[in-house]
Protein backbone atom coordinates (compact mmCIF):
# COMPACT_ATOMS: atom_id res chain seq x y z
CA MET A 1 7.81 -25.00 80.77
CA ARG A 2 11.27 -23.52 80.34
CA ASP A 3 13.75 -23.68 77.48
CA VAL A 4 17.36 -24.63 78.22
CA GLN A 5 19.71 -23.40 75.51
CA LEU A 6 23.26 -24.16 74.46
CA PHE A 7 26.05 -21.89 75.70
CA ILE A 8 28.77 -21.45 73.08
CA ASP A 9 31.39 -18.73 72.79
CA GLY A 10 29.83 -16.67 75.54
CA LYS A 11 26.30 -16.69 74.08
CA TRP A 12 23.11 -18.63 74.81
CA SER A 13 21.38 -19.96 71.69
CA ASP A 14 18.97 -22.52 70.35
CA ALA A 15 20.39 -25.52 68.49
CA SER A 16 21.14 -24.65 64.86
CA GLY A 17 18.98 -27.54 63.67
CA GLY A 18 16.03 -26.37 65.76
CA ARG A 19 15.77 -29.68 67.61
CA TRP A 20 14.44 -29.84 71.17
CA GLN A 21 13.95 -32.68 73.64
CA ASP A 22 11.38 -32.72 76.45
CA VAL A 23 12.53 -32.93 80.06
CA GLU A 24 10.39 -34.98 82.45
CA ASN A 25 9.82 -34.63 86.17
CA PRO A 26 10.49 -38.22 87.37
CA ALA A 27 8.25 -37.71 90.40
CA THR A 28 5.16 -36.82 88.38
CA GLY A 29 5.80 -37.83 84.78
CA GLU A 30 5.02 -34.28 83.66
CA THR A 31 7.07 -32.40 81.08
CA VAL A 32 8.69 -29.44 82.84
CA ALA A 33 11.21 -28.15 80.31
CA ARG A 34 12.76 -28.70 76.94
CA VAL A 35 16.43 -28.71 76.07
CA ALA A 36 18.21 -27.73 72.86
CA MET A 37 19.87 -30.69 71.13
CA ALA A 38 23.12 -29.72 69.43
CA SER A 39 23.83 -30.45 65.78
CA ALA A 40 27.25 -31.09 64.26
CA ASP A 41 27.41 -27.41 63.38
CA ASP A 42 26.87 -26.47 67.02
CA LEU A 43 29.60 -28.87 68.15
CA GLU A 44 31.98 -27.43 65.58
CA ARG A 45 31.25 -23.96 66.88
CA ALA A 46 31.83 -25.13 70.45
CA ALA A 47 35.18 -26.75 69.66
CA LYS A 48 36.43 -23.66 67.81
CA ALA A 49 35.16 -21.40 70.58
CA ALA A 50 37.01 -23.51 73.15
CA SER A 51 40.20 -23.20 71.11
CA ARG A 52 39.91 -19.42 71.02
CA GLY A 53 38.94 -19.33 74.68
CA PHE A 54 41.97 -21.43 75.59
CA ALA A 55 44.33 -18.96 73.95
CA VAL A 56 42.83 -16.18 76.09
CA TRP A 57 42.48 -18.08 79.37
CA LYS A 58 45.97 -19.60 79.49
CA ALA A 59 47.46 -16.11 79.05
CA ILE A 60 45.64 -14.77 82.12
CA PRO A 61 47.81 -15.01 85.25
CA ALA A 62 46.80 -17.81 87.59
CA VAL A 63 46.00 -15.39 90.41
CA LYS A 64 43.54 -13.52 88.21
CA ARG A 65 41.98 -16.76 86.97
CA ALA A 66 41.51 -17.70 90.62
CA ASP A 67 39.75 -14.39 91.31
CA ILE A 68 37.26 -15.06 88.49
CA MET A 69 36.63 -18.58 89.75
CA HIS A 70 36.04 -17.32 93.29
CA ASN A 71 33.50 -14.88 91.87
CA ALA A 72 31.71 -17.79 90.16
CA ALA A 73 31.69 -19.74 93.42
CA ALA A 74 30.21 -16.77 95.29
CA LEU A 75 27.45 -16.41 92.70
CA LEU A 76 26.64 -20.13 92.83
CA ARG A 77 26.48 -20.05 96.61
CA GLU A 78 24.26 -16.98 96.48
CA ARG A 79 21.92 -18.58 93.93
CA ALA A 80 21.84 -22.10 95.40
CA GLU A 81 18.33 -21.90 96.79
CA ALA A 82 16.99 -20.43 93.54
CA ILE A 83 18.68 -23.12 91.40
CA ALA A 84 17.70 -26.07 93.60
CA PRO A 85 13.97 -26.33 92.71
CA ASN A 86 14.77 -26.89 89.03
CA LEU A 87 17.33 -29.53 89.98
CA THR A 88 14.78 -31.33 92.15
CA GLU A 89 12.08 -31.01 89.51
CA GLU A 90 14.25 -32.65 86.85
CA GLN A 91 16.30 -35.15 88.89
CA GLY A 92 13.94 -35.99 91.75
CA LYS A 93 16.15 -35.67 94.82
CA PRO A 94 14.80 -33.87 97.91
CA LEU A 95 15.10 -30.10 97.76
CA ALA A 96 17.51 -29.94 100.70
CA ASN A 97 19.86 -32.29 98.85
CA SER A 98 19.67 -30.09 95.75
CA ILE A 99 20.58 -27.01 97.77
CA ASN A 100 23.54 -28.89 99.28
CA GLU A 101 24.67 -30.01 95.84
CA ALA A 102 24.85 -26.42 94.64
CA ARG A 103 26.62 -25.25 97.79
CA ASN A 104 29.09 -28.12 97.65
CA ALA A 105 29.81 -27.27 94.01
CA ALA A 106 30.68 -23.73 95.08
CA ALA A 107 33.19 -25.20 97.53
CA VAL A 108 34.72 -27.25 94.70
CA ILE A 109 35.20 -24.11 92.60
CA ASP A 110 36.80 -22.26 95.50
CA TRP A 111 39.20 -25.10 96.24
CA PHE A 112 40.33 -25.51 92.63
CA ALA A 113 40.67 -21.74 92.27
CA GLU A 114 43.31 -21.81 94.99
CA GLU A 115 44.94 -24.99 93.71
CA GLY A 116 45.35 -23.38 90.30
CA ARG A 117 47.56 -20.76 91.93
CA ARG A 118 49.95 -23.54 92.98
CA VAL A 119 50.63 -25.28 89.66
CA HIS A 120 54.37 -25.43 90.16
CA GLY A 121 57.12 -26.90 88.03
CA ARG A 122 60.59 -27.77 89.33
CA THR A 123 64.21 -26.90 88.81
CA ILE A 124 66.55 -29.74 87.87
CA PRO A 125 70.27 -29.57 88.75
CA PRO A 126 72.10 -29.01 85.43
CA ARG A 127 75.09 -31.00 84.23
CA GLY A 128 77.17 -28.02 83.26
CA ALA A 129 77.92 -24.39 83.91
CA MET A 130 75.65 -21.60 82.66
CA ILE A 131 72.76 -24.03 82.09
CA THR A 132 69.22 -23.83 83.41
CA ALA A 133 66.99 -26.92 83.44
CA ILE A 134 63.35 -26.81 84.46
CA ALA A 135 60.25 -28.99 84.23
CA ALA A 136 57.39 -26.61 83.45
CA ARG A 137 53.67 -27.43 83.79
CA GLU A 138 51.46 -26.14 80.98
CA PRO A 139 47.73 -26.56 80.28
CA VAL A 140 47.02 -29.35 77.82
CA GLY A 141 44.39 -27.44 75.82
CA PRO A 142 40.62 -27.55 75.28
CA VAL A 143 38.87 -30.31 77.23
CA ALA A 144 35.67 -32.22 76.41
CA GLY A 145 33.73 -33.18 79.54
CA PHE A 146 30.82 -35.64 79.63
CA THR A 147 28.61 -35.65 82.73
CA PRO A 148 25.65 -37.76 83.98
CA TRP A 149 22.21 -36.94 85.37
CA ASN A 150 22.57 -38.09 88.97
CA TYR A 151 24.50 -34.98 90.08
CA PRO A 152 23.89 -32.39 87.36
CA ILE A 153 25.89 -29.67 89.12
CA GLY A 154 28.20 -31.77 91.25
CA GLN A 155 29.66 -33.79 88.39
CA ALA A 156 29.96 -30.98 85.85
CA VAL A 157 31.60 -28.58 88.29
CA ARG A 158 34.50 -30.95 88.95
CA LYS A 159 35.39 -31.03 85.27
CA ILE A 160 34.92 -27.30 84.78
CA ALA A 161 36.79 -26.22 87.90
CA ALA A 162 39.77 -28.54 87.41
CA SER A 163 40.08 -27.59 83.74
CA LEU A 164 39.95 -23.87 84.48
CA ALA A 165 42.38 -24.16 87.38
CA ALA A 166 44.90 -25.82 85.06
CA GLY A 167 44.45 -23.06 82.49
CA CYS A 168 42.32 -25.06 80.05
CA SER A 169 39.04 -24.27 78.35
CA ILE A 170 36.21 -26.81 78.23
CA VAL A 171 33.18 -28.00 76.30
CA VAL A 172 30.80 -29.73 78.73
CA LYS A 173 28.25 -32.14 77.35
CA ALA A 174 25.72 -32.40 80.19
CA ALA A 175 22.77 -34.76 80.62
CA GLU A 176 19.61 -33.99 78.66
CA GLU A 177 17.50 -35.39 81.50
CA THR A 178 18.66 -32.69 83.94
CA PRO A 179 19.78 -29.60 81.99
CA SER A 180 18.48 -26.62 83.95
CA ALA A 181 20.73 -26.75 87.01
CA THR A 182 23.86 -27.31 84.94
CA ALA A 183 22.95 -24.33 82.77
CA ALA A 184 22.37 -22.19 85.87
CA MET A 185 25.78 -23.15 87.21
CA VAL A 186 27.45 -22.29 83.88
CA ARG A 187 25.69 -18.91 83.98
CA CYS A 188 27.53 -18.24 87.25
CA PHE A 189 30.83 -18.59 85.40
CA GLU A 190 29.53 -16.31 82.65
CA ASP A 191 28.41 -13.66 85.13
CA ALA A 192 31.70 -13.96 87.04
CA GLY A 193 33.62 -12.78 84.00
CA VAL A 194 34.98 -15.96 82.43
CA PRO A 195 35.93 -14.91 78.88
CA PRO A 196 33.86 -16.18 75.92
CA GLY A 197 34.78 -19.66 74.77
CA VAL A 198 36.41 -20.72 78.03
CA VAL A 199 33.31 -22.58 79.28
CA ASN A 200 30.90 -24.01 76.71
CA LEU A 201 27.80 -26.10 77.43
CA VAL A 202 26.06 -28.42 74.96
CA PHE A 203 23.36 -31.05 75.06
CA GLY A 204 22.58 -33.65 72.43
CA VAL A 205 22.46 -37.31 71.44
CA PRO A 206 25.24 -38.76 73.64
CA SER A 207 26.91 -40.99 71.05
CA GLN A 208 26.86 -38.29 68.39
CA VAL A 209 28.32 -35.64 70.69
CA SER A 210 31.06 -37.88 72.07
CA GLU A 211 32.11 -39.17 68.65
CA TYR A 212 32.33 -35.65 67.26
CA LEU A 213 34.17 -34.00 70.15
CA ILE A 214 36.61 -36.80 70.95
CA ALA A 215 37.73 -37.00 67.34
CA HIS A 216 37.97 -33.23 66.92
CA PRO A 217 41.58 -32.10 66.45
CA LEU A 218 41.11 -29.03 68.67
CA ILE A 219 40.08 -31.11 71.70
CA ARG A 220 43.12 -32.33 73.62
CA ALA A 221 41.73 -34.12 76.69
CA ILE A 222 38.61 -36.08 77.65
CA SER A 223 36.90 -36.38 81.05
CA PHE A 224 33.93 -38.75 81.40
CA THR A 225 31.71 -39.84 84.27
CA GLY A 226 29.33 -42.71 83.60
CA SER A 227 29.00 -46.44 83.11
CA THR A 228 31.91 -48.80 82.57
CA ALA A 229 30.47 -49.97 79.25
CA VAL A 230 30.33 -46.47 77.81
CA GLY A 231 33.67 -45.60 79.39
CA ARG A 232 35.32 -48.46 77.50
CA GLU A 233 33.99 -47.12 74.21
CA LEU A 234 35.10 -43.57 74.90
CA THR A 235 38.53 -44.73 76.06
CA MET A 236 39.00 -46.56 72.78
CA MET A 237 37.96 -43.45 70.85
CA ALA A 238 40.34 -41.30 72.87
CA GLY A 239 43.16 -43.77 72.36
CA LYS A 240 42.59 -43.84 68.61
CA HIS A 241 43.10 -40.08 68.51
CA LEU A 242 45.83 -40.04 71.20
CA LYS A 243 43.73 -37.92 73.54
CA ARG A 244 44.43 -37.92 77.25
CA SER A 245 41.41 -39.16 79.21
CA THR A 246 40.04 -39.32 82.75
CA MET A 247 37.40 -41.98 83.39
CA GLU A 248 35.22 -42.12 86.52
CA LEU A 249 33.15 -45.24 85.89
CA GLY A 250 30.80 -47.66 87.62
CA GLY A 251 31.02 -49.06 91.11
CA HIS A 252 29.64 -51.88 93.26
CA ALA A 253 31.01 -50.77 96.60
CA PRO A 254 31.56 -53.30 99.40
CA PHE A 255 30.58 -52.27 102.92
CA LEU A 256 32.21 -54.53 105.52
CA VAL A 257 30.93 -54.68 109.10
CA PHE A 258 33.07 -56.60 111.60
CA ALA A 259 31.82 -58.04 114.87
CA ASP A 260 33.77 -55.54 116.98
CA ALA A 261 32.40 -52.48 115.13
CA ASP A 262 30.18 -49.75 116.52
CA LEU A 263 27.03 -51.31 115.06
CA ASP A 264 24.71 -48.35 115.57
CA ASP A 265 27.14 -46.06 113.76
CA ALA A 266 27.65 -48.62 111.00
CA VAL A 267 23.93 -49.06 110.36
CA GLN A 268 23.24 -45.32 110.45
CA THR A 269 26.09 -44.57 108.03
CA LEU A 270 25.05 -47.41 105.77
CA ALA A 271 21.40 -46.36 105.56
CA GLU A 272 22.18 -42.68 105.00
CA ASN A 273 24.47 -43.42 102.09
CA LYS A 274 22.66 -46.39 100.59
CA PHE A 275 19.34 -44.61 100.12
CA HIS A 276 20.73 -41.14 99.42
CA ASN A 277 19.68 -39.96 95.94
CA ALA A 278 17.61 -43.16 95.66
CA GLY A 279 20.82 -45.16 95.46
CA GLN A 280 21.79 -43.48 92.21
CA VAL A 281 25.33 -42.78 93.35
CA CYS A 282 28.47 -44.31 91.87
CA ILE A 283 30.08 -44.69 95.31
CA ALA A 284 26.95 -45.92 97.10
CA PRO A 285 27.51 -48.94 99.38
CA THR A 286 25.90 -51.91 97.68
CA ARG A 287 27.42 -55.25 98.70
CA ILE A 288 27.05 -55.22 102.46
CA MET A 289 29.01 -57.97 104.18
CA VAL A 290 28.51 -58.54 107.90
CA GLN A 291 30.47 -60.85 110.19
CA GLU A 292 28.43 -63.83 111.40
CA PRO A 293 27.99 -62.93 115.11
CA VAL A 294 26.37 -59.56 114.35
CA PHE A 295 24.69 -60.38 111.05
CA GLU A 296 21.09 -60.42 112.30
CA THR A 297 21.55 -57.26 114.36
CA VAL A 298 22.85 -55.26 111.41
CA LEU A 299 20.27 -56.74 109.05
CA GLU A 300 17.38 -55.87 111.37
CA GLY A 301 18.67 -52.35 111.88
CA LEU A 302 19.02 -51.72 108.14
CA VAL A 303 15.52 -53.07 107.43
CA GLN A 304 14.08 -50.66 110.00
CA LYS A 305 15.95 -47.77 108.40
CA ALA A 306 14.69 -48.74 104.95
CA LYS A 307 11.10 -48.90 106.13
CA ALA A 308 11.44 -45.45 107.70
CA GLU A 309 12.36 -43.78 104.40
CA ARG A 310 9.64 -41.43 103.17
CA LEU A 311 9.16 -41.65 99.39
CA GLY A 312 7.71 -38.70 97.56
CA ASP A 313 8.15 -35.63 95.44
CA GLY A 314 11.42 -33.93 96.33
CA MET A 315 9.61 -30.60 96.72
CA ASP A 316 7.75 -32.01 99.75
CA PRO A 317 9.79 -31.23 102.90
CA ALA A 318 8.75 -34.56 104.39
CA THR A 319 10.35 -36.54 101.54
CA THR A 320 13.60 -38.33 102.35
CA MET A 321 13.92 -40.30 99.10
CA GLY A 322 12.81 -39.28 95.64
CA PRO A 323 12.20 -41.26 92.45
CA LEU A 324 14.55 -43.03 90.09
CA ALA A 325 15.57 -41.02 87.05
CA HIS A 326 13.26 -42.65 84.52
CA GLY A 327 11.08 -45.66 83.81
CA ARG A 328 13.95 -47.69 82.36
CA ARG A 329 15.64 -47.71 85.75
CA ILE A 330 12.51 -49.16 87.37
CA GLU A 331 12.47 -52.07 84.92
CA ALA A 332 16.21 -52.67 85.25
CA VAL A 333 16.33 -52.75 89.05
CA ASP A 334 13.18 -54.84 89.37
CA ALA A 335 14.68 -57.45 87.05
CA LEU A 336 17.78 -57.64 89.27
CA VAL A 337 15.73 -57.98 92.46
CA GLN A 338 13.47 -60.68 91.01
CA ASP A 339 16.49 -62.63 89.78
CA ALA A 340 18.09 -62.45 93.23
CA VAL A 341 14.94 -63.82 94.88
CA ALA A 342 14.56 -66.53 92.26
CA GLN A 343 18.09 -67.69 93.04
CA GLY A 344 17.38 -68.01 96.76
CA GLY A 345 17.94 -64.54 98.15
CA ARG A 346 15.63 -63.34 100.92
CA LEU A 347 13.58 -60.19 100.36
CA LEU A 348 13.18 -58.43 103.71
CA THR A 349 11.49 -55.23 102.58
CA GLY A 350 10.67 -53.35 99.38
CA GLY A 351 11.30 -55.09 96.10
CA ARG A 352 8.64 -53.40 94.05
CA ARG A 353 7.60 -50.21 92.35
CA ALA A 354 5.85 -47.85 94.71
CA GLU A 355 2.15 -47.42 94.04
CA ASN A 356 2.09 -43.81 92.92
CA ARG A 357 2.80 -41.87 89.79
CA GLY A 358 6.37 -41.24 88.81
CA HIS A 359 9.36 -43.57 88.87
CA PHE A 360 9.48 -44.62 92.51
CA TYR A 361 11.02 -47.87 93.72
CA GLU A 362 10.74 -48.89 97.35
CA PRO A 363 13.88 -48.99 99.51
CA THR A 364 14.83 -52.63 99.32
CA VAL A 365 16.87 -54.99 101.47
CA LEU A 366 17.95 -58.43 100.26
CA ALA A 367 19.82 -60.99 102.36
CA ASP A 368 21.82 -64.17 101.71
CA VAL A 369 21.97 -63.58 97.98
CA PRO A 370 24.13 -66.12 96.11
CA LEU A 371 27.11 -64.85 94.14
CA THR A 372 25.56 -66.19 90.94
CA ALA A 373 22.73 -63.63 91.10
CA ARG A 374 23.03 -60.82 88.58
CA ILE A 375 22.78 -58.15 91.29
CA MET A 376 25.94 -59.49 92.92
CA ASN A 377 27.82 -58.83 89.69
CA GLU A 378 26.04 -55.88 88.03
CA GLU A 379 25.86 -52.38 89.46
CA PRO A 380 22.21 -51.85 90.56
CA PHE A 381 22.40 -48.02 90.82
CA ALA A 382 19.19 -48.08 92.87
CA PRO A 383 17.96 -48.12 96.50
CA VAL A 384 18.76 -51.82 96.93
CA ALA A 385 21.01 -53.11 99.73
CA ILE A 386 22.37 -56.65 99.51
CA VAL A 387 23.35 -58.05 102.92
CA ASN A 388 25.45 -61.21 103.06
CA ARG A 389 27.54 -62.74 105.82
CA PHE A 390 31.23 -63.58 106.23
CA ALA A 391 33.25 -65.56 108.75
CA SER A 392 36.82 -64.26 108.60
CA THR A 393 38.74 -61.20 107.51
CA ASP A 394 40.16 -63.25 104.64
CA ASP A 395 36.62 -64.02 103.44
CA ALA A 396 35.58 -60.36 103.63
CA ILE A 397 38.58 -59.09 101.69
CA ALA A 398 38.20 -61.83 99.07
CA GLU A 399 34.60 -60.83 98.41
CA ALA A 400 35.45 -57.13 98.40
CA ASN A 401 38.05 -57.82 95.69
CA ARG A 402 36.02 -60.38 93.72
CA LEU A 403 34.62 -57.94 91.17
CA ASP A 404 36.53 -55.79 88.71
CA TYR A 405 34.60 -52.77 90.00
CA ALA A 406 36.96 -50.88 92.30
CA LEU A 407 35.76 -47.34 92.85
CA ALA A 408 34.92 -47.09 96.56
CA ALA A 409 34.81 -49.33 99.63
CA TYR A 410 33.74 -48.95 103.25
CA ALA A 411 34.37 -50.80 106.48
CA PHE A 412 33.57 -50.63 110.19
CA ALA A 413 35.97 -52.34 112.60
CA ARG A 414 37.89 -51.58 115.80
CA ALA A 415 40.87 -53.96 115.71
CA ALA A 416 44.02 -52.21 114.50
CA ASP A 417 45.28 -55.23 112.57
CA THR A 418 41.93 -55.50 110.75
CA ILE A 419 41.99 -51.81 109.84
CA TYR A 420 45.56 -52.16 108.56
CA ARG A 421 44.67 -55.13 106.37
CA LEU A 422 41.62 -53.35 104.97
CA SER A 423 43.70 -50.26 104.20
CA THR A 424 46.36 -52.23 102.34
CA GLU A 425 44.57 -55.25 100.86
CA VAL A 426 41.21 -54.02 99.59
CA GLU A 427 41.61 -53.18 95.90
CA THR A 428 39.85 -49.86 95.41
CA GLY A 429 40.44 -46.28 94.43
CA MET A 430 39.00 -45.03 97.73
CA ILE A 431 38.21 -46.59 101.09
CA SER A 432 36.62 -45.00 104.16
CA ILE A 433 36.87 -46.83 107.48
CA ASN A 434 34.61 -46.18 110.50
CA HIS A 435 32.98 -43.15 108.89
CA TYR A 436 31.88 -41.76 105.53
CA ASP A 437 34.62 -39.47 104.27
CA LEU A 438 34.70 -39.35 100.47
CA ALA A 439 34.25 -36.77 97.70
CA TYR A 440 35.44 -33.60 99.41
CA PRO A 441 37.23 -31.23 97.02
CA GLU A 442 40.68 -31.73 98.53
CA GLN A 443 40.52 -35.55 98.34
CA PRO A 444 41.48 -37.72 95.36
CA PHE A 445 38.33 -39.11 93.75
CA GLY A 446 38.65 -41.95 91.27
CA GLY A 447 38.71 -45.69 90.76
CA ILE A 448 40.94 -48.46 89.49
CA LYS A 449 40.38 -51.59 87.40
CA ASP A 450 36.98 -51.43 85.63
CA SER A 451 36.02 -48.34 87.63
CA GLY A 452 38.32 -46.18 85.56
CA PHE A 453 41.49 -44.15 85.98
CA GLY A 454 42.52 -40.62 86.86
CA ASN A 455 41.14 -38.40 89.59
CA GLU A 456 38.51 -35.70 89.88
CA GLY A 457 39.50 -34.42 93.30
CA GLY A 458 42.59 -33.27 95.14
CA HIS A 459 45.61 -31.79 93.42
CA GLU A 460 45.79 -35.02 91.42
CA ALA A 461 42.76 -33.84 89.43
CA LEU A 462 44.92 -31.23 87.70
CA ASP A 463 47.44 -33.76 86.41
CA ASP A 464 45.32 -34.90 83.46
CA PHE A 465 44.93 -31.31 82.28
CA LEU A 466 48.63 -30.41 82.41
CA ASN A 467 51.59 -31.21 80.19
CA THR A 468 55.11 -31.35 81.53
CA LYS A 469 57.64 -29.55 79.34
CA PHE A 470 61.37 -29.95 79.97
CA VAL A 471 63.31 -26.76 79.16
CA SER A 472 67.10 -26.71 79.14
CA ALA A 473 68.95 -23.54 78.11
CA ARG A 474 72.67 -22.76 78.00
CA ILE A 475 73.53 -19.12 78.41
CA ILE A 476 76.17 -18.01 75.91
């Protein structure tokens, strides 16, 4: 058992109300930690600390801020293997994936550290003599970030690193299900020399924390990663208080395989990214559409890949897929699978809870599922692949664009005209063709339509944390 505390104004502390919540290992059902649950008093302290921290941080030259961030990245990289077991124990993913998550987060910090040194304004030609006119970029102020449990370090670090690179402070509300790794990552910033109040970490009842922080007058921007339903609510709250917001919401990614594609590569890429993290990935390929002539070949290959997955505790080196996050996910995904079968879909493999303790669901492949099935319209967020067929490029693009989810899309094809049409006609925030190439620090990362707005990658990620101020001065 370990206690995970709040981090406010440079100090670790229990919640002022003395409330704790147990943290479960989803692979075993055992309680492995407890996390402090913030009260309103704690949130007030965090908001005020962030305001004070902002005043200090924005005054530090960008090059020195970058040095501190690089130090944090070096510490996270150094500690990755020590942090990873707690991440696996609380989230369930294989240990190697947890180590990679921590190392990738260090790369995110490094990249944003350098990008923060290049927050440039511009000079505007004046309309008279002895006049200067500039558009200056300034940090917006304290940020409230809300992060999910599927990537406890990977999601939180994007909000922290982008905020700090822009010169902002932040209060991160991380997931209670997976607190330890996020806390360990925040400690890297503390040990790197980030001033008190610049990075604050809280846990608590999600609705209570979001309502308090979004409405707080000291918080000037919101960044949320989570479901579309919750994102709608938070966007309305932010709008009511005129707070800038970034929303990275749900997905139901199409994966299109054309008859001329490299089928082995397509199947391998599909399987690796469908069953990664037990399918609990916002950009996971979900609606797989295969052109008629190669439908059976791709379907058979994916079924074989699914059957080869090794379910188990993430601490076991032989494990390739861990459990779902909690029991509610088991019930939710099973209901979607059963509905698909009841409506005529074919179940090729999986489709049931694995017979062991913990929250394991078998890698599942469904085929020929009608569009009326719930799983064709609701994000499954689970290791379930839905494989349907299409005849023409028009059909494939129409199905890819049918839903209001538009976060990520994938395709495998050789014909240049097909690739061009996919690049220009598929409605999505991101599309990767003939390989998997998303979510690197330098790349924009965000959706459109019901999958949100704003970006959490690339230099675009800084835009939501910066104001543009026009300054015109006549020298007299």
